[in-house]
Amino acid sequence: MQDVLENTMVKTSIKIVSSVLIVVAIALVGLKLNTMIHASPFQPTIPTTTSSTLNILVILAAFVLIAHSIEGIWAGAIAYRRGDSALKTGIYTFFTGFVGLTETMKSD
């Protein structure tokens, strides 16, 4: 696994795909929360069936967002301890995931 992450092209590809998927996960969870908030019991609505696949994707997206948040907080703490910008490093790691965390820990 370590040899694969040493390849710059692979790391860049993982960062791009991870960033896109995190944005999609934020959108999925945001849309689900929006429908939950605006579902009023007082207004008659047309019953809609939500696909079980979509529900599984929303649950998976929420799990991924929580995991990436933990990684971002962890990287931010490492950067703060080094005297770097904790917010910048945390956000970068939130979007890039494990690759960003390994980069942060290597430069420690």
PDB file of N, CA and C in Angstrom:
ATOM      1  N   MET A   1       0.829  -1.199   0.000  1.00  0.00           N
ATOM      2  CA  MET A   1       0.000   0.000   0.000  1.00  0.00           C
ATOM      3  C   MET A   1       0.867   1.255   0.000  1.00  0.00           C
ATOM      4  N   GLN A   2       1.948   1.209   0.757  1.00  0.00           N
ATOM      5  CA  GLN A   2       2.826   2.369   0.841  1.00  0.00           C
ATOM      6  C   GLN A   2       3.462   2.674  -0.512  1.00  0.00           C
ATOM      7  N   ASP A   3       3.825   1.629  -1.279  1.00  0.00           N
ATOM      8  CA  ASP A   3       4.433   1.839  -2.592  1.00  0.00           C
ATOM      9  C   ASP A   3       3.461   2.507  -3.554  1.00  0.00           C
ATOM     10  N   VAL A   4       2.193   2.147  -3.457  1.00  0.00           N
ATOM     11  CA  VAL A   4       1.186   2.740  -4.334  1.00  0.00           C
ATOM     12  C   VAL A   4       1.026   4.224  -4.028  1.00  0.00           C
ATOM     13  N   LEU A   5       1.045   4.587  -2.741  1.00  0.00           N
ATOM     14  CA  LEU A   5       0.872   5.986  -2.368  1.00  0.00           C
ATOM     15  C   LEU A   5       2.101   6.831  -2.673  1.00  0.00           C
ATOM     16  N   GLU A   6       3.229   6.209  -2.960  1.00  0.00           N
ATOM     17  CA  GLU A   6       4.419   6.966  -3.327  1.00  0.00           C
ATOM     18  C   GLU A   6       4.320   7.501  -4.752  1.00  0.00           C
ATOM     19  N   ASN A   7       3.514   6.877  -5.597  1.00  0.00           N
ATOM     20  CA  ASN A   7       3.341   7.306  -6.973  1.00  0.00           C
ATOM     21  C   ASN A   7       2.542   8.610  -6.990  1.00  0.00           C
ATOM     22  N   THR A   8       3.130   9.664  -7.552  1.00  0.00           N
ATOM     23  CA  THR A   8       2.507  10.981  -7.548  1.00  0.00           C
ATOM     24  C   THR A   8       1.215  11.005  -8.355  1.00  0.00           C
ATOM     25  N   MET A   9       1.193  10.300  -9.471  1.00  0.00           N
ATOM     26  CA  MET A   9      -0.006  10.289 -10.306  1.00  0.00           C
ATOM     27  C   MET A   9      -1.168   9.605  -9.589  1.00  0.00           C
ATOM     28  N   VAL A  10      -0.876   8.541  -8.873  1.00  0.00           N
ATOM     29  CA  VAL A  10      -1.918   7.837  -8.120  1.00  0.00           C
ATOM     30  C   VAL A  10      -2.438   8.734  -7.003  1.00  0.00           C
ATOM     31  N   LYS A  11      -1.531   9.406  -6.295  1.00  0.00           N
ATOM     32  CA  LYS A  11      -1.947  10.298  -5.216  1.00  0.00           C
ATOM     33  C   LYS A  11      -2.828  11.423  -5.741  1.00  0.00           C
ATOM     34  N   THR A  12      -2.446  11.996  -6.867  1.00  0.00           N
ATOM     35  CA  THR A  12      -3.234  13.081  -7.446  1.00  0.00           C
ATOM     36  C   THR A  12      -4.609  12.582  -7.873  1.00  0.00           C
ATOM     37  N   SER A  13      -4.661  11.409  -8.467  1.00  0.00           N
ATOM     38  CA  SER A  13      -5.946  10.839  -8.886  1.00  0.00           C
ATOM     39  C   SER A  13      -6.845  10.572  -7.684  1.00  0.00           C
ATOM     40  N   ILE A  14      -6.268  10.026  -6.626  1.00  0.00           N
ATOM     41  CA  ILE A  14      -7.050   9.756  -5.415  1.00  0.00           C
ATOM     42  C   ILE A  14      -7.575  11.059  -4.825  1.00  0.00           C
ATOM     43  N   LYS A  15      -6.754  12.097  -4.818  1.00  0.00           N
ATOM     44  CA  LYS A  15      -7.183  13.387  -4.270  1.00  0.00           C
ATOM     45  C   LYS A  15      -8.352  13.963  -5.064  1.00  0.00           C
ATOM     46  N   ILE A  16      -8.274  13.885  -6.382  1.00  0.00           N
ATOM     47  CA  ILE A  16      -9.341  14.438  -7.223  1.00  0.00           C
ATOM     48  C   ILE A  16     -10.636  13.655  -7.029  1.00  0.00           C
ATOM     49  N   VAL A  17     -10.542  12.333  -7.090  1.00  0.00           N
ATOM     50  CA  VAL A  17     -11.738  11.495  -6.929  1.00  0.00           C
ATOM     51  C   VAL A  17     -12.329  11.679  -5.533  1.00  0.00           C
ATOM     52  N   SER A  18     -11.483  11.730  -4.526  1.00  0.00           N
ATOM     53  CA  SER A  18     -11.961  11.902  -3.159  1.00  0.00           C
ATOM     54  C   SER A  18     -12.670  13.238  -2.984  1.00  0.00           C
ATOM     55  N   SER A  19     -12.103  14.291  -3.536  1.00  0.00           N
ATOM     56  CA  SER A  19     -12.723  15.616  -3.413  1.00  0.00           C
ATOM     57  C   SER A  19     -14.090  15.651  -4.085  1.00  0.00           C
ATOM     58  N   VAL A  20     -14.189  15.055  -5.260  1.00  0.00           N
ATOM     59  CA  VAL A  20     -15.469  15.025  -5.973  1.00  0.00           C
ATOM     60  C   VAL A  20     -16.495  14.210  -5.187  1.00  0.00           C
ATOM     61  N   LEU A  21     -16.081  13.061  -4.671  1.00  0.00           N
ATOM     62  CA  LEU A  21     -17.009  12.213  -3.924  1.00  0.00           C
ATOM     63  C   LEU A  21     -17.443  12.854  -2.609  1.00  0.00           C
ATOM     64  N   ILE A  22     -16.571  13.617  -1.975  1.00  0.00           N
ATOM     65  CA  ILE A  22     -16.957  14.315  -0.744  1.00  0.00           C
ATOM     66  C   ILE A  22     -18.003  15.381  -1.052  1.00  0.00           C
ATOM     67  N   VAL A  23     -17.837  16.093  -2.156  1.00  0.00           N
ATOM     68  CA  VAL A  23     -18.836  17.092  -2.546  1.00  0.00           C
ATOM     69  C   VAL A  23     -20.176  16.406  -2.838  1.00  0.00           C
ATOM     70  N   VAL A  24     -20.141  15.260  -3.506  1.00  0.00           N
ATOM     71  CA  VAL A  24     -21.365  14.504  -3.781  1.00  0.00           C
ATOM     72  C   VAL A  24     -21.996  14.028  -2.470  1.00  0.00           C
ATOM     73  N   ALA A  25     -21.174  13.575  -1.531  1.00  0.00           N
ATOM     74  CA  ALA A  25     -21.694  13.120  -0.238  1.00  0.00           C
ATOM     75  C   ALA A  25     -22.344  14.270   0.524  1.00  0.00           C
ATOM     76  N   ILE A  26     -21.726  15.441   0.488  1.00  0.00           N
ATOM     77  CA  ILE A  26     -22.315  16.614   1.144  1.00  0.00           C
ATOM     78  C   ILE A  26     -23.662  16.944   0.506  1.00  0.00           C
ATOM     79  N   ALA A  27     -23.724  16.873  -0.818  1.00  0.00           N
ATOM     80  CA  ALA A  27     -24.979  17.163  -1.517  1.00  0.00           C
ATOM     81  C   ALA A  27     -26.054  16.137  -1.162  1.00  0.00           C
ATOM     82  N   LEU A  28     -25.695  14.859  -1.134  1.00  0.00           N
ATOM     83  CA  LEU A  28     -26.670  13.809  -0.801  1.00  0.00           C
ATOM     84  C   LEU A  28     -27.236  13.989   0.604  1.00  0.00           C
ATOM     85  N   VAL A  29     -26.353  14.181   1.559  1.00  0.00           N
ATOM     86  CA  VAL A  29     -26.807  14.345   2.940  1.00  0.00           C
ATOM     87  C   VAL A  29     -27.586  15.649   3.083  1.00  0.00           C
ATOM     88  N   GLY A  30     -27.142  16.689   2.401  1.00  0.00           N
ATOM     89  CA  GLY A  30     -27.865  17.959   2.445  1.00  0.00           C
ATOM     90  C   GLY A  30     -29.264  17.855   1.872  1.00  0.00           C
ATOM     91  N   LEU A  31     -29.398  17.164   0.754  1.00  0.00           N
ATOM     92  CA  LEU A  31     -30.727  16.979   0.163  1.00  0.00           C
ATOM     93  C   LEU A  31     -31.632  16.153   1.067  1.00  0.00           C
ATOM     94  N   LYS A  32     -31.068  15.129   1.683  1.00  0.00           N
ATOM     95  CA  LYS A  32     -31.862  14.302   2.599  1.00  0.00           C
ATOM     96  C   LYS A  32     -32.316  15.123   3.805  1.00  0.00           C
ATOM     97  N   LEU A  33     -31.410  15.922   4.360  1.00  0.00           N
ATOM     98  CA  LEU A  33     -31.786  16.779   5.488  1.00  0.00           C
ATOM     99  C   LEU A  33     -32.825  17.813   5.073  1.00  0.00           C
ATOM    100  N   ASN A  34     -32.688  18.344   3.874  1.00  0.00           N
ATOM    101  CA  ASN A  34     -33.647  19.325   3.373  1.00  0.00           C
ATOM    102  C   ASN A  34     -35.038  18.713   3.262  1.00  0.00           C
ATOM    103  N   THR A  35     -35.123  17.504   2.744  1.00  0.00           N
ATOM    104  CA  THR A  35     -36.437  16.873   2.626  1.00  0.00           C
ATOM    105  C   THR A  35     -37.003  16.517   3.996  1.00  0.00           C
ATOM    106  N   MET A  36     -36.138  16.181   4.937  1.00  0.00           N
ATOM    107  CA  MET A  36     -36.615  15.870   6.282  1.00  0.00           C
ATOM    108  C   MET A  36     -37.121  17.123   6.992  1.00  0.00           C
ATOM    109  N   ILE A  37     -36.428  18.237   6.812  1.00  0.00           N
ATOM    110  CA  ILE A  37     -36.811  19.484   7.483  1.00  0.00           C
ATOM    111  C   ILE A  37     -38.100  20.041   6.901  1.00  0.00           C
ATOM    112  N   HIS A  38     -38.230  19.979   5.595  1.00  0.00           N
ATOM    113  CA  HIS A  38     -39.384  20.594   4.951  1.00  0.00           C
ATOM    114  C   HIS A  38     -40.580  19.661   4.811  1.00  0.00           C
ATOM    115  N   ALA A  39     -40.496  18.479   5.347  1.00  0.00           N
ATOM    116  CA  ALA A  39     -41.647  17.577   5.327  1.00  0.00           C
ATOM    117  C   ALA A  39     -42.582  17.983   6.463  1.00  0.00           C
ATOM    118  N   SER A  40     -43.623  18.659   6.109  1.00  0.00           N
ATOM    119  CA  SER A  40     -44.559  19.160   7.108  1.00  0.00           C
ATOM    120  C   SER A  40     -45.731  18.192   7.254  1.00  0.00           C
ATOM    121  N   PRO A  41     -46.084  17.851   8.482  1.00  0.00           N
ATOM    122  CA  PRO A  41     -47.221  16.947   8.661  1.00  0.00           C
ATOM    123  C   PRO A  41     -48.561  17.630   8.399  1.00  0.00           C
ATOM    124  N   PHE A  42     -48.562  18.948   8.280  1.00  0.00           N
ATOM    125  CA  PHE A  42     -49.809  19.687   8.107  1.00  0.00           C
ATOM    126  C   PHE A  42     -50.166  19.934   6.651  1.00  0.00           C
ATOM    127  N   GLN A  43     -49.221  19.736   5.752  1.00  0.00           N
ATOM    128  CA  GLN A  43     -49.494  19.943   4.340  1.00  0.00           C
ATOM    129  C   GLN A  43     -49.647  18.591   3.658  1.00  0.00           C
ATOM    130  N   PRO A  44     -50.723  18.422   2.922  1.00  0.00           N
ATOM    131  CA  PRO A  44     -50.864  17.150   2.207  1.00  0.00           C
ATOM    132  C   PRO A  44     -49.828  17.063   1.089  1.00  0.00           C
ATOM    133  N   THR A  45     -49.161  15.969   1.035  1.00  0.00           N
ATOM    134  CA  THR A  45     -48.154  15.776  -0.003  1.00  0.00           C
ATOM    135  C   THR A  45     -48.448  14.487  -0.749  1.00  0.00           C
ATOM    136  N   ILE A  46     -47.932  14.414  -1.920  1.00  0.00           N
ATOM    137  CA  ILE A  46     -48.050  13.192  -2.704  1.00  0.00           C
ATOM    138  C   ILE A  46     -47.054  12.195  -2.132  1.00  0.00           C
ATOM    139  N   PRO A  47     -47.502  11.017  -1.753  1.00  0.00           N
ATOM    140  CA  PRO A  47     -46.551  10.060  -1.187  1.00  0.00           C
ATOM    141  C   PRO A  47     -45.504   9.657  -2.219  1.00  0.00           C
ATOM    142  N   THR A  48     -44.281   9.705  -1.789  1.00  0.00           N
ATOM    143  CA  THR A  48     -43.187   9.296  -2.670  1.00  0.00           C
ATOM    144  C   THR A  48     -42.447   8.150  -2.013  1.00  0.00           C
ATOM    145  N   THR A  49     -42.020   7.258  -2.810  1.00  0.00           N
ATOM    146  CA  THR A  49     -41.237   6.148  -2.281  1.00  0.00           C
ATOM    147  C   THR A  49     -39.774   6.444  -2.529  1.00  0.00           C
ATOM    148  N   THR A  50     -39.018   6.359  -1.482  1.00  0.00           N
ATOM    149  CA  THR A  50     -37.586   6.570  -1.608  1.00  0.00           C
ATOM    150  C   THR A  50     -36.931   5.218  -1.791  1.00  0.00           C
ATOM    151  N   SER A  51     -36.103   5.154  -2.752  1.00  0.00           N
ATOM    152  CA  SER A  51     -35.418   3.910  -3.060  1.00  0.00           C
ATOM    153  C   SER A  51     -34.545   3.481  -1.884  1.00  0.00           C
ATOM    154  N   SER A  52     -34.519   2.194  -1.616  1.00  0.00           N
ATOM    155  CA  SER A  52     -33.665   1.707  -0.537  1.00  0.00           C
ATOM    156  C   SER A  52     -32.195   1.890  -0.901  1.00  0.00           C
ATOM    157  N   THR A  53     -31.887   1.859  -2.190  1.00  0.00           N
ATOM    158  CA  THR A  53     -30.513   2.098  -2.622  1.00  0.00           C
ATOM    159  C   THR A  53     -30.093   3.523  -2.290  1.00  0.00           C
ATOM    160  N   LEU A  54     -30.996   4.466  -2.503  1.00  0.00           N
ATOM    161  CA  LEU A  54     -30.693   5.858  -2.175  1.00  0.00           C
ATOM    162  C   LEU A  54     -30.495   6.032  -0.675  1.00  0.00           C
ATOM    163  N   ASN A  55     -31.312   5.359   0.117  1.00  0.00           N
ATOM    164  CA  ASN A  55     -31.141   5.429   1.569  1.00  0.00           C
ATOM    165  C   ASN A  55     -29.794   4.858   1.994  1.00  0.00           C
ATOM    166  N   ILE A  56     -29.391   3.766   1.377  1.00  0.00           N
ATOM    167  CA  ILE A  56     -28.087   3.177   1.693  1.00  0.00           C
ATOM    168  C   ILE A  56     -26.969   4.135   1.303  1.00  0.00           C
ATOM    169  N   LEU A  57     -27.109   4.798   0.153  1.00  0.00           N
ATOM    170  CA  LEU A  57     -26.096   5.766  -0.277  1.00  0.00           C
ATOM    171  C   LEU A  57     -26.014   6.953   0.681  1.00  0.00           C
ATOM    172  N   VAL A  58     -27.154   7.404   1.179  1.00  0.00           N
ATOM    173  CA  VAL A  58     -27.157   8.526   2.127  1.00  0.00           C
ATOM    174  C   VAL A  58     -26.484   8.113   3.434  1.00  0.00           C
ATOM    175  N   ILE A  59     -26.757   6.913   3.906  1.00  0.00           N
ATOM    176  CA  ILE A  59     -26.116   6.421   5.133  1.00  0.00           C
ATOM    177  C   ILE A  59     -24.611   6.282   4.925  1.00  0.00           C
ATOM    178  N   LEU A  60     -24.212   5.740   3.785  1.00  0.00           N
ATOM    179  CA  LEU A  60     -22.789   5.606   3.474  1.00  0.00           C
ATOM    180  C   LEU A  60     -22.127   6.980   3.368  1.00  0.00           C
ATOM    181  N   ALA A  61     -22.813   7.932   2.737  1.00  0.00           N
ATOM    182  CA  ALA A  61     -22.273   9.287   2.606  1.00  0.00           C
ATOM    183  C   ALA A  61     -22.099   9.935   3.974  1.00  0.00           C
ATOM    184  N   ALA A  62     -23.064   9.730   4.861  1.00  0.00           N
ATOM    185  CA  ALA A  62     -22.952  10.294   6.209  1.00  0.00           C
ATOM    186  C   ALA A  62     -21.772   9.683   6.954  1.00  0.00           C
ATOM    187  N   PHE A  63     -21.585   8.376   6.810  1.00  0.00           N
ATOM    188  CA  PHE A  63     -20.445   7.707   7.446  1.00  0.00           C
ATOM    189  C   PHE A  63     -19.127   8.252   6.911  1.00  0.00           C
ATOM    190  N   VAL A  64     -19.044   8.428   5.597  1.00  0.00           N
ATOM    191  CA  VAL A  64     -17.821   8.950   4.978  1.00  0.00           C
ATOM    192  C   VAL A  64     -17.544  10.376   5.450  1.00  0.00           C
ATOM    193  N   LEU A  65     -18.585  11.185   5.552  1.00  0.00           N
ATOM    194  CA  LEU A  65     -18.391  12.559   6.025  1.00  0.00           C
ATOM    195  C   LEU A  65     -17.899  12.589   7.469  1.00  0.00           C
ATOM    196  N   ILE A  66     -18.420  11.699   8.295  1.00  0.00           N
ATOM    197  CA  ILE A  66     -17.951  11.628   9.683  1.00  0.00           C
ATOM    198  C   ILE A  66     -16.494  11.192   9.729  1.00  0.00           C
ATOM    199  N   ALA A  67     -16.142  10.177   8.940  1.00  0.00           N
ATOM    200  CA  ALA A  67     -14.756   9.694   8.919  1.00  0.00           C
ATOM    201  C   ALA A  67     -13.803  10.775   8.421  1.00  0.00           C
ATOM    202  N   HIS A  68     -14.185  11.476   7.372  1.00  0.00           N
ATOM    203  CA  HIS A  68     -13.325  12.534   6.844  1.00  0.00           C
ATOM    204  C   HIS A  68     -13.240  13.708   7.811  1.00  0.00           C
ATOM    205  N   SER A  69     -14.302  13.959   8.550  1.00  0.00           N
ATOM    206  CA  SER A  69     -14.255  15.020   9.563  1.00  0.00           C
ATOM    207  C   SER A  69     -13.253  14.673  10.655  1.00  0.00           C
ATOM    208  N   ILE A  70     -13.263  13.426  11.083  1.00  0.00           N
ATOM    209  CA  ILE A  70     -12.303  12.988  12.103  1.00  0.00           C
ATOM    210  C   ILE A  70     -10.878  13.119  11.573  1.00  0.00           C
ATOM    211  N   GLU A  71     -10.659  12.716  10.320  1.00  0.00           N
ATOM    212  CA  GLU A  71      -9.327  12.863   9.719  1.00  0.00           C
ATOM    213  C   GLU A  71      -8.918  14.329   9.637  1.00  0.00           C
ATOM    214  N   GLY A  72      -9.860  15.191   9.274  1.00  0.00           N
ATOM    215  CA  GLY A  72      -9.559  16.620   9.181  1.00  0.00           C
ATOM    216  C   GLY A  72      -9.211  17.225  10.527  1.00  0.00           C
ATOM    217  N   ILE A  73      -9.945  16.830  11.562  1.00  0.00           N
ATOM    218  CA  ILE A  73      -9.651  17.326  12.914  1.00  0.00           C
ATOM    219  C   ILE A  73      -8.288  16.829  13.369  1.00  0.00           C
ATOM    220  N   TRP A  74      -8.002  15.580  13.085  1.00  0.00           N
ATOM    221  CA  TRP A  74      -6.715  14.993  13.454  1.00  0.00           C
ATOM    222  C   TRP A  74      -5.565  15.726  12.756  1.00  0.00           C
ATOM    223  N   ALA A  75      -5.708  15.950  11.456  1.00  0.00           N
ATOM    224  CA  ALA A  75      -4.664  16.658  10.705  1.00  0.00           C
ATOM    225  C   ALA A  75      -4.533  18.101  11.182  1.00  0.00           C
ATOM    226  N   GLY A  76      -5.661  18.726  11.510  1.00  0.00           N
ATOM    227  CA  GLY A  76      -5.609  20.089  12.031  1.00  0.00           C
ATOM    228  C   GLY A  76      -4.869  20.165  13.356  1.00  0.00           C
ATOM    229  N   ALA A  77      -5.069  19.163  14.201  1.00  0.00           N
ATOM    230  CA  ALA A  77      -4.359  19.126  15.485  1.00  0.00           C
ATOM    231  C   ALA A  77      -2.860  18.949  15.272  1.00  0.00           C
ATOM    232  N   ILE A  78      -2.494  18.105  14.315  1.00  0.00           N
ATOM    233  CA  ILE A  78      -1.071  17.904  14.007  1.00  0.00           C
ATOM    234  C   ILE A  78      -0.466  19.202  13.482  1.00  0.00           C
ATOM    235  N   ALA A  79      -1.183  19.872  12.580  1.00  0.00           N
ATOM    236  CA  ALA A  79      -0.678  21.127  12.013  1.00  0.00           C
ATOM    237  C   ALA A  79      -0.574  22.205  13.087  1.00  0.00           C
ATOM    238  N   TYR A  80      -1.540  22.259  13.977  1.00  0.00           N
ATOM    239  CA  TYR A  80      -1.500  23.248  15.057  1.00  0.00           C
ATOM    240  C   TYR A  80      -0.294  23.011  15.957  1.00  0.00           C
ATOM    241  N   ARG A  81      -0.018  21.744  16.237  1.00  0.00           N
ATOM    242  CA  ARG A  81       1.126  21.403  17.082  1.00  0.00           C
ATOM    243  C   ARG A  81       2.440  21.816  16.419  1.00  0.00           C
ATOM    244  N   ARG A  82       2.488  21.740  15.083  1.00  0.00           N
ATOM    245  CA  ARG A  82       3.690  22.141  14.345  1.00  0.00           C
ATOM    246  C   ARG A  82       3.783  23.644  14.154  1.00  0.00           C
ATOM    247  N   GLY A  83       2.683  24.350  14.360  1.00  0.00           N
ATOM    248  CA  GLY A  83       2.672  25.791  14.147  1.00  0.00           C
ATOM    249  C   GLY A  83       2.188  26.186  12.765  1.00  0.00           C
ATOM    250  N   ASP A  84       1.654  25.234  11.999  1.00  0.00           N
ATOM    251  CA  ASP A  84       1.100  25.522  10.675  1.00  0.00           C
ATOM    252  C   ASP A  84      -0.363  25.934  10.812  1.00  0.00           C
ATOM    253  N   SER A  85      -0.961  26.253   9.687  1.00  0.00           N
ATOM    254  CA  SER A  85      -2.373  26.630   9.671  1.00  0.00           C
ATOM    255  C   SER A  85      -3.239  25.384   9.871  1.00  0.00           C
ATOM    256  N   ALA A  86      -3.865  25.300  11.030  1.00  0.00           N
ATOM    257  CA  ALA A  86      -4.679  24.129  11.353  1.00  0.00           C
ATOM    258  C   ALA A  86      -5.932  24.072  10.488  1.00  0.00           C
ATOM    259  N   LEU A  87      -6.560  25.214  10.241  1.00  0.00           N
ATOM    260  CA  LEU A  87      -7.793  25.235   9.453  1.00  0.00           C
ATOM    261  C   LEU A  87      -7.534  24.811   8.007  1.00  0.00           C
ATOM    262  N   LYS A  88      -6.485  25.360   7.423  1.00  0.00           N
ATOM    263  CA  LYS A  88      -6.144  25.025   6.035  1.00  0.00           C
ATOM    264  C   LYS A  88      -5.817  23.538   5.898  1.00  0.00           C
ATOM    265  N   THR A  89      -5.013  23.024   6.800  1.00  0.00           N
ATOM    266  CA  THR A  89      -4.634  21.614   6.752  1.00  0.00           C
ATOM    267  C   THR A  89      -5.832  20.714   7.017  1.00  0.00           C
ATOM    268  N   GLY A  90      -6.684  21.102   7.956  1.00  0.00           N
ATOM    269  CA  GLY A  90      -7.865  20.305   8.274  1.00  0.00           C
ATOM    270  C   GLY A  90      -8.842  20.220   7.115  1.00  0.00           C
ATOM    271  N   ILE A  91      -9.080  21.345   6.458  1.00  0.00           N
ATOM    272  CA  ILE A  91      -9.998  21.354   5.311  1.00  0.00           C
ATOM    273  C   ILE A  91      -9.409  20.555   4.152  1.00  0.00           C
ATOM    274  N   TYR A  92      -8.114  20.720   3.914  1.00  0.00           N
ATOM    275  CA  TYR A  92      -7.447  19.960   2.852  1.00  0.00           C
ATOM    276  C   TYR A  92      -7.573  18.462   3.112  1.00  0.00           C
ATOM    277  N   THR A  93      -7.334  18.057   4.344  1.00  0.00           N
ATOM    278  CA  THR A  93      -7.418  16.639   4.683  1.00  0.00           C
ATOM    279  C   THR A  93      -8.859  16.148   4.649  1.00  0.00           C
ATOM    280  N   PHE A  94      -9.812  16.997   5.018  1.00  0.00           N
ATOM    281  CA  PHE A  94     -11.223  16.609   4.938  1.00  0.00           C
ATOM    282  C   PHE A  94     -11.586  16.218   3.510  1.00  0.00           C
ATOM    283  N   PHE A  95     -11.124  16.991   2.543  1.00  0.00           N
ATOM    284  CA  PHE A  95     -11.475  16.706   1.155  1.00  0.00           C
ATOM    285  C   PHE A  95     -10.627  15.605   0.534  1.00  0.00           C
ATOM    286  N   THR A  96      -9.370  15.468   0.932  1.00  0.00           N
ATOM    287  CA  THR A  96      -8.513  14.468   0.295  1.00  0.00           C
ATOM    288  C   THR A  96      -8.467  13.152   1.050  1.00  0.00           C
ATOM    289  N   GLY A  97      -8.852  13.152   2.309  1.00  0.00           N
ATOM    290  CA  GLY A  97      -8.937  11.906   3.064  1.00  0.00           C
ATOM    291  C   GLY A  97      -7.601  11.388   3.541  1.00  0.00           C
ATOM    292  N   PHE A  98      -7.437  10.088   3.440  1.00  0.00           N
ATOM    293  CA  PHE A  98      -6.270   9.403   3.987  1.00  0.00           C
ATOM    294  C   PHE A  98      -4.968   9.890   3.364  1.00  0.00           C
ATOM    295  N   VAL A  99      -4.999  10.205   2.076  1.00  0.00           N
ATOM    296  CA  VAL A  99      -3.781  10.678   1.406  1.00  0.00           C
ATOM    297  C   VAL A  99      -3.319  11.998   2.022  1.00  0.00           C
ATOM    298  N   GLY A 100      -4.246  12.906   2.268  1.00  0.00           N
ATOM    299  CA  GLY A 100      -3.891  14.172   2.909  1.00  0.00           C
ATOM    300  C   GLY A 100      -3.383  13.981   4.323  1.00  0.00           C
ATOM    301  N   LEU A 101      -3.968  13.025   5.027  1.00  0.00           N
ATOM    302  CA  LEU A 101      -3.517  12.746   6.390  1.00  0.00           C
ATOM    303  C   LEU A 101      -2.103  12.181   6.396  1.00  0.00           C
ATOM    304  N   THR A 102      -1.805  11.292   5.458  1.00  0.00           N
ATOM    305  CA  THR A 102      -0.443  10.747   5.394  1.00  0.00           C
ATOM    306  C   THR A 102       0.562  11.827   5.014  1.00  0.00           C
ATOM    307  N   GLU A 103       0.170  12.746   4.137  1.00  0.00           N
ATOM    308  CA  GLU A 103       1.065  13.855   3.793  1.00  0.00           C
ATOM    309  C   GLU A 103       1.324  14.737   5.010  1.00  0.00           C
ATOM    310  N   THR A 104       0.297  14.981   5.783  1.00  0.00           N
ATOM    311  CA  THR A 104       0.447  15.804   6.979  1.00  0.00           C
ATOM    312  C   THR A 104       1.355  15.122   7.995  1.00  0.00           C
ATOM    313  N   MET A 105       1.180  13.829   8.156  1.00  0.00           N
ATOM    314  CA  MET A 105       1.987  13.110   9.139  1.00  0.00           C
ATOM    315  C   MET A 105       3.433  12.936   8.669  1.00  0.00           C
ATOM    316  N   LYS A 106       3.654  12.829   7.352  1.00  0.00           N
ATOM    317  CA  LYS A 106       5.022  12.709   6.841  1.00  0.00           C
ATOM    318  C   LYS A 106       5.815  13.985   7.053  1.00  0.00           C
ATOM    319  N   SER A 107       5.155  15.120   6.910  1.00  0.00           N
ATOM    320  CA  SER A 107       5.877  16.383   7.051  1.00  0.00           C
ATOM    321  C   SER A 107       6.077  16.750   8.511  1.00  0.00           C
ATOM    322  N   ASP A 108       5.623  15.904   9.418  1.00  0.00           N
ATOM    323  CA  ASP A 108       5.774  16.157  10.855  1.00  0.00           C
ATOM    324  C   ASP A 108       7.172  15.863  11.322  1.00  0.00           C
TER     325      ASP A 108
END
